[in-house]
Amino acid sequence: MAKKNKGDDEFHPTGTIAILAIFVITLIAIWTTIYMILVGRGGTL
């Protein structure tokens, strides 16, 4: 059986979390912009 390194258990994907955060912020900004356009035109449904 292969030995596990202790460092393998403590890996934190900080780059992935940063990319996901940027993606979520971008989605929120896009949806907010679209919502404001719809509200401005009177289509709030």
Protein backbone atom coordinates (compact mmCIF):
# COMPACT_ATOMS: atom_id res chain seq x y z
CA MET A 1 0.00 0.00 0.00
CA ALA A 2 1.29 3.44 -0.89
CA LYS A 3 1.98 5.96 1.82
CA LYS A 4 -0.09 9.14 1.76
CA ASN A 5 1.58 12.46 2.25
CA LYS A 6 0.13 14.56 5.02
CA GLY A 7 0.09 17.58 2.69
CA ASP A 8 -2.38 15.87 0.34
CA ASP A 9 -5.13 15.99 2.95
CA GLU A 10 -4.65 19.74 3.52
CA PHE A 11 -5.01 20.92 -0.10
CA HIS A 12 -7.23 24.01 -0.49
CA PRO A 13 -8.22 25.00 -4.06
CA THR A 14 -7.97 28.78 -3.58
CA GLY A 15 -7.71 29.50 -7.31
CA THR A 16 -10.87 27.56 -8.05
CA ILE A 17 -12.74 29.36 -5.28
CA ALA A 18 -11.60 32.73 -6.65
CA ILE A 19 -12.73 31.86 -10.20
CA LEU A 20 -16.10 30.65 -8.90
CA ALA A 21 -16.55 33.85 -6.87
CA ILE A 22 -15.80 35.99 -9.95
CA PHE A 23 -18.24 33.89 -11.99
CA VAL A 24 -21.03 34.26 -9.41
CA ILE A 25 -20.46 38.03 -9.08
CA THR A 26 -20.58 38.36 -12.88
CA LEU A 27 -23.84 36.40 -13.06
CA ILE A 28 -25.41 38.55 -10.35
CA ALA A 29 -24.33 41.73 -12.18
CA ILE A 30 -25.76 40.49 -15.50
CA TRP A 31 -29.09 39.48 -13.96
CA THR A 32 -29.33 42.78 -12.06
CA THR A 33 -28.72 44.72 -15.27
CA ILE A 34 -31.38 42.73 -17.14
CA TYR A 35 -33.83 43.18 -14.27
CA MET A 36 -33.27 46.95 -14.22
CA ILE A 37 -33.84 47.12 -17.99
CA LEU A 38 -37.11 45.20 -17.62
CA VAL A 39 -38.27 47.38 -14.72
CA GLY A 40 -37.42 50.50 -16.72
CA ARG A 41 -39.55 49.29 -19.62
CA GLY A 42 -42.46 48.39 -17.36
CA GLY A 43 -42.27 44.60 -17.74
CA THR A 44 -41.99 43.36 -14.17
CA LEU A 45 -44.30 40.32 -14.26
